[in-house]
Amino acid sequence: MKKIIFFAAAIIGSVSVANAQSQAKVKVNVELNPFQSIEIGSGAGQDGQVTSGYDDEVTLKYEKAADYTNGVNKLIAKQLKVSSVGSGYKVKATLSSNGQFNKVAGNGANTYDAKKLIEIQVDGKTASTDVNMEFGPFGSTSTAESSVLNKELDVKYIGKPLNEATVKELLGNGGKDTKAKYTIDVVYTIAAN
């Protein structure tokens, strides 16, 4: 009886081994989805401390006669980092306060039109200073051949030359030790070509 049970177990075992699969087939898909992103790049923080709630901070300082006569500028190398997969792109900038600088220190005008005070360039492209600015297009086409990943862009902030009337308006009746400080927010976004 033991031989019959052993023989039956051996037959069942050999049938199970004979029916076992010797391969497994798996389908692997790779899916590429277009996307765009913009963030602060590795060049941020050149002016040192950044006010809470901001990703970076840039200060243009007028300190001597040549600054007022010729204007001032600051190039922030690699300030923005963009990715645009599936198309070329444009960088858009929106100014806060309807394009008005707001006084935060000093005795001058409470607000001042950004068009009269600054200009911005993104990767060498200039847009007319307005509440909504557009820089680009970047990439020769609006197709995937113009895709970029983590491309860092230089941003240049240009303080325009100021004449005596403008200086008096911005400084107000402050004395020789009174600084005037004006501020505006610039919000950068990315869009497809």
N, C-alpha and C. Protein backbone atom coordinates (compact mmCIF):
# COMPACT_ATOMS: atom_id res chain seq x y z
N MET A 1 0.81 -1.19 0.00
CA MET A 1 0.00 0.00 0.00
C MET A 1 0.86 1.25 0.00
N LYS A 2 1.97 1.14 0.76
CA LYS A 2 2.87 2.29 0.81
C LYS A 2 3.46 2.56 -0.58
N LYS A 3 3.76 1.50 -1.33
CA LYS A 3 4.32 1.65 -2.65
C LYS A 3 3.34 2.33 -3.59
N ILE A 4 2.05 2.00 -3.48
CA ILE A 4 1.03 2.59 -4.34
C ILE A 4 0.89 4.08 -4.04
N ILE A 5 0.88 4.45 -2.77
CA ILE A 5 0.76 5.87 -2.38
C ILE A 5 1.98 6.64 -2.86
N PHE A 6 3.18 6.03 -2.67
CA PHE A 6 4.39 6.69 -3.12
C PHE A 6 4.38 6.85 -4.64
N PHE A 7 3.95 5.80 -5.37
CA PHE A 7 3.88 5.84 -6.82
C PHE A 7 2.89 6.92 -7.28
N ALA A 8 1.72 7.03 -6.62
CA ALA A 8 0.71 8.04 -6.97
C ALA A 8 1.26 9.44 -6.70
N ALA A 9 1.96 9.62 -5.59
CA ALA A 9 2.55 10.92 -5.27
C ALA A 9 3.61 11.28 -6.29
N ALA A 10 4.38 10.32 -6.73
CA ALA A 10 5.42 10.57 -7.73
C ALA A 10 4.80 10.98 -9.06
N ILE A 11 3.69 10.35 -9.45
CA ILE A 11 3.02 10.70 -10.70
C ILE A 11 2.44 12.11 -10.61
N ILE A 12 1.79 12.44 -9.52
CA ILE A 12 1.21 13.77 -9.34
C ILE A 12 2.31 14.83 -9.33
N GLY A 13 3.43 14.54 -8.67
CA GLY A 13 4.57 15.48 -8.63
C GLY A 13 5.16 15.71 -10.00
N SER A 14 5.29 14.68 -10.80
CA SER A 14 5.87 14.84 -12.13
C SER A 14 4.93 15.57 -13.06
N VAL A 15 3.61 15.39 -12.89
CA VAL A 15 2.63 16.12 -13.69
C VAL A 15 2.70 17.61 -13.32
N SER A 16 2.82 17.92 -12.03
CA SER A 16 2.90 19.32 -11.58
C SER A 16 4.15 19.99 -12.14
N VAL A 17 5.27 19.29 -12.14
CA VAL A 17 6.51 19.86 -12.67
C VAL A 17 6.39 20.04 -14.17
N ALA A 18 5.77 19.09 -14.83
CA ALA A 18 5.62 19.18 -16.27
C ALA A 18 4.74 20.36 -16.68
N ASN A 19 3.75 20.74 -15.83
CA ASN A 19 2.85 21.85 -16.14
C ASN A 19 3.38 23.21 -15.67
N ALA A 20 4.50 23.28 -14.96
CA ALA A 20 5.06 24.54 -14.47
C ALA A 20 5.57 25.36 -15.66
N GLN A 21 5.38 26.72 -15.57
CA GLN A 21 5.84 27.60 -16.66
C GLN A 21 7.33 27.79 -16.57
N SER A 22 7.96 27.88 -17.71
CA SER A 22 9.39 28.11 -17.74
C SER A 22 9.73 29.54 -18.15
N GLN A 23 8.70 30.39 -18.30
CA GLN A 23 8.93 31.80 -18.64
C GLN A 23 7.80 32.66 -18.13
N ALA A 24 8.06 33.94 -17.97
CA ALA A 24 7.04 34.92 -17.58
C ALA A 24 7.23 36.14 -18.47
N LYS A 25 6.16 36.65 -19.00
CA LYS A 25 6.23 37.76 -19.95
C LYS A 25 5.58 39.00 -19.32
N VAL A 26 6.31 40.10 -19.28
CA VAL A 26 5.83 41.34 -18.69
C VAL A 26 5.92 42.46 -19.72
N LYS A 27 4.87 43.21 -19.85
CA LYS A 27 4.86 44.37 -20.75
C LYS A 27 5.22 45.61 -19.92
N VAL A 28 6.25 46.33 -20.33
CA VAL A 28 6.68 47.55 -19.63
C VAL A 28 6.41 48.74 -20.55
N ASN A 29 5.69 49.71 -20.04
CA ASN A 29 5.38 50.91 -20.79
C ASN A 29 6.17 52.08 -20.23
N VAL A 30 6.60 52.96 -21.09
CA VAL A 30 7.21 54.22 -20.68
C VAL A 30 6.33 55.31 -21.24
N GLU A 31 5.83 56.16 -20.38
CA GLU A 31 4.91 57.22 -20.80
C GLU A 31 5.56 58.58 -20.52
N LEU A 32 5.68 59.40 -21.54
CA LEU A 32 6.26 60.73 -21.41
C LEU A 32 5.14 61.76 -21.48
N ASN A 33 5.01 62.55 -20.45
CA ASN A 33 3.96 63.56 -20.39
C ASN A 33 4.57 64.95 -20.46
N PRO A 34 4.06 65.81 -21.32
CA PRO A 34 4.56 67.17 -21.38
C PRO A 34 4.28 67.89 -20.04
N PHE A 35 5.19 68.75 -19.63
CA PHE A 35 4.98 69.56 -18.44
C PHE A 35 5.87 70.78 -18.51
N GLN A 36 5.58 71.75 -17.66
CA GLN A 36 6.41 72.94 -17.54
C GLN A 36 6.55 73.30 -16.08
N SER A 37 7.73 73.78 -15.70
CA SER A 37 7.94 74.25 -14.33
C SER A 37 8.93 75.40 -14.34
N ILE A 38 8.80 76.26 -13.34
CA ILE A 38 9.74 77.36 -13.15
C ILE A 38 9.98 77.49 -11.66
N GLU A 39 11.22 77.67 -11.30
CA GLU A 39 11.60 77.82 -9.90
C GLU A 39 12.87 78.66 -9.82
N ILE A 40 13.27 78.94 -8.61
CA ILE A 40 14.49 79.70 -8.41
C ILE A 40 15.68 78.79 -8.69
N GLY A 41 16.67 79.32 -9.41
CA GLY A 41 17.84 78.55 -9.79
C GLY A 41 18.97 78.68 -8.78
N SER A 42 20.13 78.16 -9.14
CA SER A 42 21.28 78.11 -8.24
C SER A 42 21.90 79.48 -8.00
N GLY A 43 21.58 80.48 -8.81
CA GLY A 43 22.17 81.80 -8.64
C GLY A 43 21.45 82.69 -7.65
N ALA A 44 20.37 82.21 -7.06
CA ALA A 44 19.59 83.02 -6.13
C ALA A 44 20.39 83.32 -4.87
N GLY A 45 19.98 84.36 -4.18
CA GLY A 45 20.57 84.70 -2.89
C GLY A 45 21.84 85.52 -2.97
N GLN A 46 22.12 86.14 -4.12
CA GLN A 46 23.34 86.92 -4.27
C GLN A 46 23.36 88.16 -3.38
N ASP A 47 22.20 88.67 -3.03
CA ASP A 47 22.15 89.85 -2.16
C ASP A 47 22.15 89.47 -0.69
N GLY A 48 22.35 88.20 -0.39
CA GLY A 48 22.40 87.77 1.00
C GLY A 48 21.04 87.36 1.53
N GLN A 49 20.60 88.01 2.58
CA GLN A 49 19.38 87.64 3.27
C GLN A 49 18.14 87.88 2.40
N VAL A 50 17.21 86.93 2.45
CA VAL A 50 15.96 87.01 1.69
C VAL A 50 14.81 87.15 2.68
N THR A 51 13.94 88.13 2.44
CA THR A 51 12.78 88.35 3.30
C THR A 51 11.89 87.12 3.30
N SER A 52 11.36 86.77 4.46
CA SER A 52 10.47 85.62 4.61
C SER A 52 9.29 85.74 3.63
N GLY A 53 8.96 84.63 3.01
CA GLY A 53 7.85 84.60 2.06
C GLY A 53 8.29 84.82 0.62
N TYR A 54 9.58 85.08 0.40
CA TYR A 54 10.12 85.29 -0.94
C TYR A 54 11.16 84.23 -1.24
N ASP A 55 11.33 83.92 -2.51
CA ASP A 55 12.33 82.95 -2.93
C ASP A 55 13.69 83.61 -3.18
N ASP A 56 13.69 84.88 -3.51
CA ASP A 56 14.93 85.62 -3.73
C ASP A 56 14.63 87.11 -3.56
N GLU A 57 15.68 87.89 -3.41
CA GLU A 57 15.52 89.33 -3.22
C GLU A 57 16.67 90.04 -3.92
N VAL A 58 16.36 91.09 -4.65
CA VAL A 58 17.36 91.86 -5.39
C VAL A 58 17.22 93.32 -5.00
N THR A 59 18.34 93.98 -4.70
CA THR A 59 18.33 95.40 -4.35
C THR A 59 19.20 96.17 -5.33
N LEU A 60 18.62 97.16 -5.97
CA LEU A 60 19.36 98.07 -6.83
C LEU A 60 19.67 99.32 -6.01
N LYS A 61 20.95 99.67 -5.90
CA LYS A 61 21.35 100.80 -5.06
C LYS A 61 21.92 101.93 -5.92
N TYR A 62 21.37 103.11 -5.73
CA TYR A 62 21.91 104.34 -6.31
C TYR A 62 22.75 104.98 -5.20
N GLU A 63 24.08 105.07 -5.42
CA GLU A 63 24.94 105.56 -4.35
C GLU A 63 25.80 106.75 -4.73
N LYS A 64 26.02 106.99 -6.01
CA LYS A 64 26.87 108.11 -6.43
C LYS A 64 26.28 108.76 -7.67
N ALA A 65 26.84 109.89 -8.05
CA ALA A 65 26.30 110.66 -9.17
C ALA A 65 26.18 109.83 -10.45
N ALA A 66 27.19 109.02 -10.75
CA ALA A 66 27.16 108.20 -11.96
C ALA A 66 25.99 107.21 -11.95
N ASP A 67 25.62 106.72 -10.76
CA ASP A 67 24.49 105.80 -10.66
C ASP A 67 23.20 106.49 -11.09
N TYR A 68 23.01 107.72 -10.62
CA TYR A 68 21.80 108.47 -10.97
C TYR A 68 21.82 108.87 -12.44
N THR A 69 22.97 109.23 -12.95
CA THR A 69 23.09 109.69 -14.35
C THR A 69 22.97 108.54 -15.34
N ASN A 70 23.62 107.42 -15.03
CA ASN A 70 23.69 106.29 -15.97
C ASN A 70 22.73 105.15 -15.65
N GLY A 71 22.22 105.13 -14.45
CA GLY A 71 21.40 104.01 -14.01
C GLY A 71 22.28 102.95 -13.37
N VAL A 72 21.64 101.96 -12.78
CA VAL A 72 22.35 100.86 -12.13
C VAL A 72 21.76 99.55 -12.63
N ASN A 73 22.52 98.48 -12.48
CA ASN A 73 21.96 97.18 -12.85
C ASN A 73 22.59 96.08 -12.03
N LYS A 74 21.90 94.97 -11.99
CA LYS A 74 22.41 93.81 -11.28
C LYS A 74 22.02 92.58 -12.09
N LEU A 75 23.03 91.80 -12.47
CA LEU A 75 22.80 90.55 -13.19
C LEU A 75 22.81 89.41 -12.17
N ILE A 76 21.72 88.68 -12.12
CA ILE A 76 21.63 87.50 -11.25
C ILE A 76 21.77 86.28 -12.16
N ALA A 77 23.01 85.77 -12.23
CA ALA A 77 23.27 84.60 -13.08
C ALA A 77 22.50 83.41 -12.52
N LYS A 78 21.84 82.70 -13.39
CA LYS A 78 21.12 81.46 -13.06
C LYS A 78 20.05 81.69 -11.98
N GLN A 79 19.34 82.81 -12.03
CA GLN A 79 18.31 83.07 -11.02
C GLN A 79 17.08 82.19 -11.19
N LEU A 80 16.71 81.91 -12.43
CA LEU A 80 15.52 81.09 -12.68
C LEU A 80 15.94 79.75 -13.27
N LYS A 81 15.18 78.70 -12.93
CA LYS A 81 15.42 77.38 -13.51
C LYS A 81 14.10 76.91 -14.12
N VAL A 82 14.13 76.58 -15.41
CA VAL A 82 12.92 76.18 -16.11
C VAL A 82 13.06 74.79 -16.72
N SER A 83 11.92 74.11 -16.79
CA SER A 83 11.81 72.86 -17.54
C SER A 83 10.56 73.00 -18.40
N SER A 84 10.71 72.64 -19.66
CA SER A 84 9.57 72.67 -20.57
C SER A 84 9.70 71.45 -21.47
N VAL A 85 8.93 70.43 -21.17
CA VAL A 85 9.00 69.18 -21.92
C VAL A 85 7.80 69.12 -22.85
N GLY A 86 8.08 69.03 -24.13
CA GLY A 86 7.02 68.93 -25.12
C GLY A 86 6.85 70.18 -25.96
N SER A 87 7.51 71.27 -25.57
CA SER A 87 7.39 72.50 -26.36
C SER A 87 8.47 73.50 -25.95
N GLY A 88 8.60 74.53 -26.79
CA GLY A 88 9.38 75.69 -26.38
C GLY A 88 8.57 76.42 -25.32
N TYR A 89 9.08 77.54 -24.82
CA TYR A 89 8.40 78.20 -23.72
C TYR A 89 8.62 79.71 -23.76
N LYS A 90 7.82 80.40 -22.96
CA LYS A 90 7.95 81.83 -22.70
C LYS A 90 7.99 81.99 -21.19
N VAL A 91 8.71 82.99 -20.72
CA VAL A 91 8.68 83.34 -19.31
C VAL A 91 7.84 84.59 -19.19
N LYS A 92 6.90 84.56 -18.26
CA LYS A 92 6.05 85.72 -18.03
C LYS A 92 6.37 86.27 -16.65
N ALA A 93 6.28 87.58 -16.51
CA ALA A 93 6.50 88.23 -15.22
C ALA A 93 5.33 89.17 -14.96
N THR A 94 4.81 89.10 -13.77
CA THR A 94 3.71 89.97 -13.36
C THR A 94 4.19 90.82 -12.20
N LEU A 95 3.95 92.13 -12.31
CA LEU A 95 4.32 93.05 -11.23
C LEU A 95 3.15 93.26 -10.30
N SER A 96 3.44 93.33 -9.01
CA SER A 96 2.40 93.58 -8.02
C SER A 96 1.94 95.03 -8.06
N SER A 97 0.91 95.33 -7.32
CA SER A 97 0.42 96.71 -7.11
C SER A 97 0.18 97.47 -8.41
N ASN A 98 -0.37 96.77 -9.41
CA ASN A 98 -0.65 97.38 -10.72
C ASN A 98 0.56 98.08 -11.31
N GLY A 99 1.74 97.48 -11.10
CA GLY A 99 2.96 98.03 -11.68
C GLY A 99 3.50 99.26 -10.96
N GLN A 100 3.13 99.42 -9.70
CA GLN A 100 3.58 100.57 -8.92
C GLN A 100 4.53 100.11 -7.80
N PHE A 101 5.71 100.76 -7.72
CA PHE A 101 6.57 100.56 -6.56
C PHE A 101 5.89 101.22 -5.37
N ASN A 102 5.99 100.61 -4.21
CA ASN A 102 5.44 101.18 -2.98
C ASN A 102 6.59 101.60 -2.07
N LYS A 103 6.44 102.78 -1.48
CA LYS A 103 7.46 103.29 -0.56
C LYS A 103 7.38 102.49 0.74
N VAL A 104 8.55 102.03 1.21
CA VAL A 104 8.62 101.34 2.50
C VAL A 104 9.49 102.11 3.48
N ALA A 105 10.24 103.10 2.99
CA ALA A 105 11.06 103.94 3.87
C ALA A 105 11.34 105.26 3.16
N GLY A 106 11.40 106.33 3.93
CA GLY A 106 11.74 107.64 3.37
C GLY A 106 10.56 108.57 3.35
N ASN A 107 10.77 109.73 2.72
CA ASN A 107 9.77 110.80 2.73
C ASN A 107 9.24 111.14 1.34
N GLY A 108 9.55 110.32 0.35
CA GLY A 108 9.14 110.64 -1.02
C GLY A 108 7.73 110.20 -1.34
N ALA A 109 7.44 110.14 -2.63
CA ALA A 109 6.12 109.74 -3.12
C ALA A 109 5.76 108.36 -2.58
N ASN A 110 4.50 108.13 -2.30
CA ASN A 110 4.05 106.85 -1.75
C ASN A 110 4.15 105.71 -2.77
N THR A 111 3.94 106.03 -4.05
CA THR A 111 4.05 105.03 -5.11
C THR A 111 4.81 105.64 -6.28
N TYR A 112 5.36 104.76 -7.12
CA TYR A 112 6.07 105.25 -8.30
C TYR A 112 5.96 104.20 -9.40
N ASP A 113 5.68 104.65 -10.62
CA ASP A 113 5.46 103.78 -11.77
C ASP A 113 6.73 102.99 -12.12
N ALA A 114 6.61 101.67 -12.13
CA ALA A 114 7.75 100.80 -12.44
C ALA A 114 8.34 101.08 -13.81
N LYS A 115 7.51 101.46 -14.77
CA LYS A 115 8.01 101.76 -16.13
C LYS A 115 9.07 102.85 -16.11
N LYS A 116 8.95 103.77 -15.18
CA LYS A 116 9.89 104.89 -15.10
C LYS A 116 11.15 104.53 -14.30
N LEU A 117 11.11 103.41 -13.60
CA LEU A 117 12.19 103.11 -12.68
C LEU A 117 13.04 101.89 -13.04
N ILE A 118 12.43 100.83 -13.58
CA ILE A 118 13.21 99.61 -13.85
C ILE A 118 12.91 99.01 -15.21
N GLU A 119 13.80 98.10 -15.58
CA GLU A 119 13.65 97.25 -16.76
C GLU A 119 14.17 95.88 -16.35
N ILE A 120 13.59 94.82 -16.91
CA ILE A 120 14.02 93.46 -16.59
C ILE A 120 14.35 92.73 -17.89
N GLN A 121 15.44 91.96 -17.84
CA GLN A 121 15.82 91.10 -18.96
C GLN A 121 15.91 89.66 -18.45
N VAL A 122 15.35 88.73 -19.20
CA VAL A 122 15.45 87.31 -18.87
C VAL A 122 16.22 86.63 -19.99
N ASP A 123 17.37 86.08 -19.65
CA ASP A 123 18.24 85.40 -20.62
C ASP A 123 18.51 86.27 -21.85
N GLY A 124 18.72 87.56 -21.61
CA GLY A 124 19.05 88.51 -22.68
C GLY A 124 17.86 89.07 -23.42
N LYS A 125 16.65 88.64 -23.10
CA LYS A 125 15.45 89.14 -23.77
C LYS A 125 14.77 90.18 -22.89
N THR A 126 14.46 91.33 -23.48
CA THR A 126 13.84 92.43 -22.75
C THR A 126 12.38 92.53 -23.13
N ALA A 127 11.56 92.84 -22.15
CA ALA A 127 10.14 93.11 -22.41
C ALA A 127 9.86 94.52 -21.93
N SER A 128 8.92 95.16 -22.54
CA SER A 128 8.53 96.49 -22.10
C SER A 128 8.00 96.37 -20.67
N THR A 129 8.51 97.20 -19.77
CA THR A 129 8.10 97.11 -18.37
C THR A 129 6.63 97.47 -18.25
N ASP A 130 5.87 96.51 -17.78
CA ASP A 130 4.43 96.67 -17.62
C ASP A 130 3.98 95.73 -16.51
N VAL A 131 2.72 95.82 -16.15
CA VAL A 131 2.20 94.92 -15.12
C VAL A 131 2.41 93.47 -15.54
N ASN A 132 2.16 93.16 -16.82
CA ASN A 132 2.37 91.82 -17.36
C ASN A 132 3.41 91.89 -18.46
N MET A 133 4.51 91.18 -18.26
CA MET A 133 5.60 91.16 -19.25
C MET A 133 5.78 89.75 -19.77
N GLU A 134 6.29 89.64 -20.99
CA GLU A 134 6.52 88.33 -21.59
C GLU A 134 7.90 88.32 -22.23
N PHE A 135 8.69 87.31 -21.89
CA PHE A 135 10.04 87.16 -22.42
C PHE A 135 10.09 85.88 -23.23
N GLY A 136 10.59 85.97 -24.43
CA GLY A 136 10.67 84.77 -25.27
C GLY A 136 10.21 85.10 -26.68
N PRO A 137 9.94 84.14 -27.47
CA PRO A 137 9.91 82.72 -27.13
C PRO A 137 11.32 82.14 -27.00
N PHE A 138 11.44 81.10 -26.19
CA PHE A 138 12.67 80.33 -26.07
C PHE A 138 12.42 79.00 -26.75
N GLY A 139 13.35 78.57 -27.56
CA GLY A 139 13.16 77.35 -28.36
C GLY A 139 12.64 77.75 -29.72
N SER A 140 13.17 77.09 -30.74
CA SER A 140 12.84 77.47 -32.11
C SER A 140 11.46 77.02 -32.55
N THR A 141 10.88 76.05 -31.84
CA THR A 141 9.55 75.56 -32.22
C THR A 141 8.69 75.39 -30.97
N SER A 142 7.44 75.09 -31.20
CA SER A 142 6.54 74.78 -30.08
C SER A 142 6.34 73.28 -29.96
N THR A 143 7.30 72.51 -30.46
CA THR A 143 7.22 71.05 -30.39
C THR A 143 8.29 70.51 -29.44
N ALA A 144 8.31 69.20 -29.28
CA ALA A 144 9.21 68.56 -28.32
C ALA A 144 10.69 68.79 -28.63
N GLU A 145 11.03 69.12 -29.87
CA GLU A 145 12.44 69.35 -30.18
C GLU A 145 13.01 70.57 -29.45
N SER A 146 12.15 71.42 -28.91
CA SER A 146 12.60 72.58 -28.14
C SER A 146 12.53 72.35 -26.63
N SER A 147 12.37 71.10 -26.22
CA SER A 147 12.28 70.78 -24.79
C SER A 147 13.59 71.09 -24.07
N VAL A 148 13.47 71.53 -22.81
CA VAL A 148 14.63 71.75 -21.95
C VAL A 148 14.30 71.19 -20.56
N LEU A 149 15.33 70.75 -19.86
CA LEU A 149 15.19 70.26 -18.49
C LEU A 149 16.16 71.01 -17.59
N ASN A 150 15.63 71.64 -16.57
CA ASN A 150 16.44 72.33 -15.56
C ASN A 150 17.42 73.35 -16.17
N LYS A 151 16.96 74.09 -17.15
CA LYS A 151 17.79 75.12 -17.78
C LYS A 151 17.77 76.36 -16.88
N GLU A 152 18.95 76.84 -16.53
CA GLU A 152 19.03 78.01 -15.67
C GLU A 152 19.20 79.27 -16.52
N LEU A 153 18.42 80.28 -16.19
CA LEU A 153 18.39 81.52 -16.95
C LEU A 153 18.91 82.67 -16.11
N ASP A 154 19.69 83.55 -16.75
CA ASP A 154 20.16 84.76 -16.10
C ASP A 154 19.06 85.82 -16.15
N VAL A 155 18.93 86.58 -15.07
CA VAL A 155 17.98 87.68 -15.04
C VAL A 155 18.74 88.95 -14.68
N LYS A 156 18.52 90.00 -15.46
CA LYS A 156 19.18 91.28 -15.22
C LYS A 156 18.12 92.32 -14.85
N TYR A 157 18.36 92.98 -13.74
CA TYR A 157 17.48 94.04 -13.25
C TYR A 157 18.20 95.36 -13.50
N ILE A 158 17.52 96.27 -14.20
CA ILE A 158 18.15 97.53 -14.60
C ILE A 158 17.38 98.68 -13.98
N GLY A 159 18.07 99.45 -13.14
CA GLY A 159 17.51 100.69 -12.60
C GLY A 159 17.82 101.80 -13.59
N LYS A 160 16.80 102.46 -14.08
CA LYS A 160 16.97 103.48 -15.12
C LYS A 160 17.67 104.73 -14.58
N PRO A 161 18.27 105.53 -15.47
CA PRO A 161 18.84 106.81 -15.04
C PRO A 161 17.73 107.70 -14.46
N LEU A 162 18.07 108.47 -13.44
CA LEU A 162 17.09 109.33 -12.77
C LEU A 162 17.54 110.78 -12.87
N ASN A 163 16.63 111.65 -13.31
CA ASN A 163 16.96 113.07 -13.36
C ASN A 163 16.66 113.73 -12.02
N GLU A 164 17.00 115.01 -11.89
CA GLU A 164 16.83 115.72 -10.62
C GLU A 164 15.39 115.74 -10.14
N ALA A 165 14.45 115.95 -11.05
CA ALA A 165 13.04 116.01 -10.67
C ALA A 165 12.58 114.67 -10.10
N THR A 166 13.02 113.57 -10.70
CA THR A 166 12.67 112.24 -10.21
C THR A 166 13.29 111.98 -8.85
N VAL A 167 14.55 112.38 -8.70
CA VAL A 167 15.23 112.19 -7.41
C VAL A 167 14.48 112.95 -6.31
N LYS A 168 14.08 114.17 -6.59
CA LYS A 168 13.35 114.97 -5.59
C LYS A 168 12.01 114.32 -5.25
N GLU A 169 11.35 113.78 -6.27
CA GLU A 169 10.06 113.13 -6.05
C GLU A 169 10.21 111.87 -5.19
N LEU A 170 11.26 111.08 -5.45
CA LEU A 170 11.45 109.83 -4.73
C LEU A 170 12.03 110.02 -3.33
N LEU A 171 12.90 111.01 -3.16
CA LEU A 171 13.48 111.26 -1.84
C LEU A 171 12.59 112.16 -0.97
N GLY A 172 11.76 112.95 -1.60
CA GLY A 172 10.89 113.86 -0.85
C GLY A 172 11.70 114.89 -0.09
N ASN A 173 11.25 115.24 1.09
CA ASN A 173 11.95 116.25 1.86
C ASN A 173 12.90 115.64 2.88
N GLY A 174 13.41 114.44 2.59
CA GLY A 174 14.36 113.79 3.49
C GLY A 174 15.68 114.53 3.51
N GLY A 175 16.38 114.42 4.64
CA GLY A 175 17.68 115.06 4.79
C GLY A 175 18.79 114.19 4.25
N LYS A 176 20.02 114.62 4.51
CA LYS A 176 21.18 113.92 3.96
C LYS A 176 21.35 112.50 4.48
N ASP A 177 20.76 112.18 5.61
CA ASP A 177 20.87 110.84 6.17
C ASP A 177 19.60 110.01 6.00
N THR A 178 18.67 110.50 5.20
CA THR A 178 17.40 109.80 5.01
C THR A 178 17.40 109.04 3.69
N LYS A 179 17.32 107.71 3.79
CA LYS A 179 17.23 106.88 2.59
C LYS A 179 15.78 106.73 2.19
N ALA A 180 15.57 106.55 0.92
CA ALA A 180 14.25 106.20 0.42
C ALA A 180 14.35 104.77 -0.09
N LYS A 181 13.34 103.97 0.20
CA LYS A 181 13.33 102.59 -0.29
C LYS A 181 11.95 102.29 -0.84
N TYR A 182 11.94 101.76 -2.06
CA TYR A 182 10.70 101.39 -2.75
C TYR A 182 10.79 99.90 -3.08
N THR A 183 9.65 99.24 -3.11
CA THR A 183 9.65 97.80 -3.38
C THR A 183 8.47 97.41 -4.27
N ILE A 184 8.68 96.34 -5.02
CA ILE A 184 7.63 95.77 -5.87
C ILE A 184 7.90 94.27 -5.97
N ASP A 185 6.87 93.47 -6.09
CA ASP A 185 7.03 92.03 -6.27
C ASP A 185 6.98 91.69 -7.75
N VAL A 186 7.85 90.78 -8.16
CA VAL A 186 7.84 90.25 -9.52
C VAL A 186 7.58 88.75 -9.41
N VAL A 187 6.51 88.29 -10.04
CA VAL A 187 6.14 86.87 -10.00
C VAL A 187 6.37 86.30 -11.41
N TYR A 188 7.27 85.31 -11.51
CA TYR A 188 7.59 84.69 -12.78
C TYR A 188 6.77 83.42 -12.98
N THR A 189 6.28 83.22 -14.20
CA THR A 189 5.57 82.00 -14.57
C THR A 189 6.11 81.54 -15.92
N ILE A 190 5.74 80.34 -16.31
CA ILE A 190 6.18 79.78 -17.59
C ILE A 190 4.95 79.37 -18.38
N ALA A 191 5.03 79.52 -19.70
CA ALA A 191 3.93 79.13 -20.59
C ALA A 191 4.52 78.56 -21.87
N ALA A 192 3.75 77.74 -22.56
CA ALA A 192 4.19 77.17 -23.84
C ALA A 192 4.24 78.26 -24.91
N ASN A 193 5.12 78.08 -25.89
CA ASN A 193 5.19 79.00 -27.03
C ASN A 193 3.86 79.03 -27.75
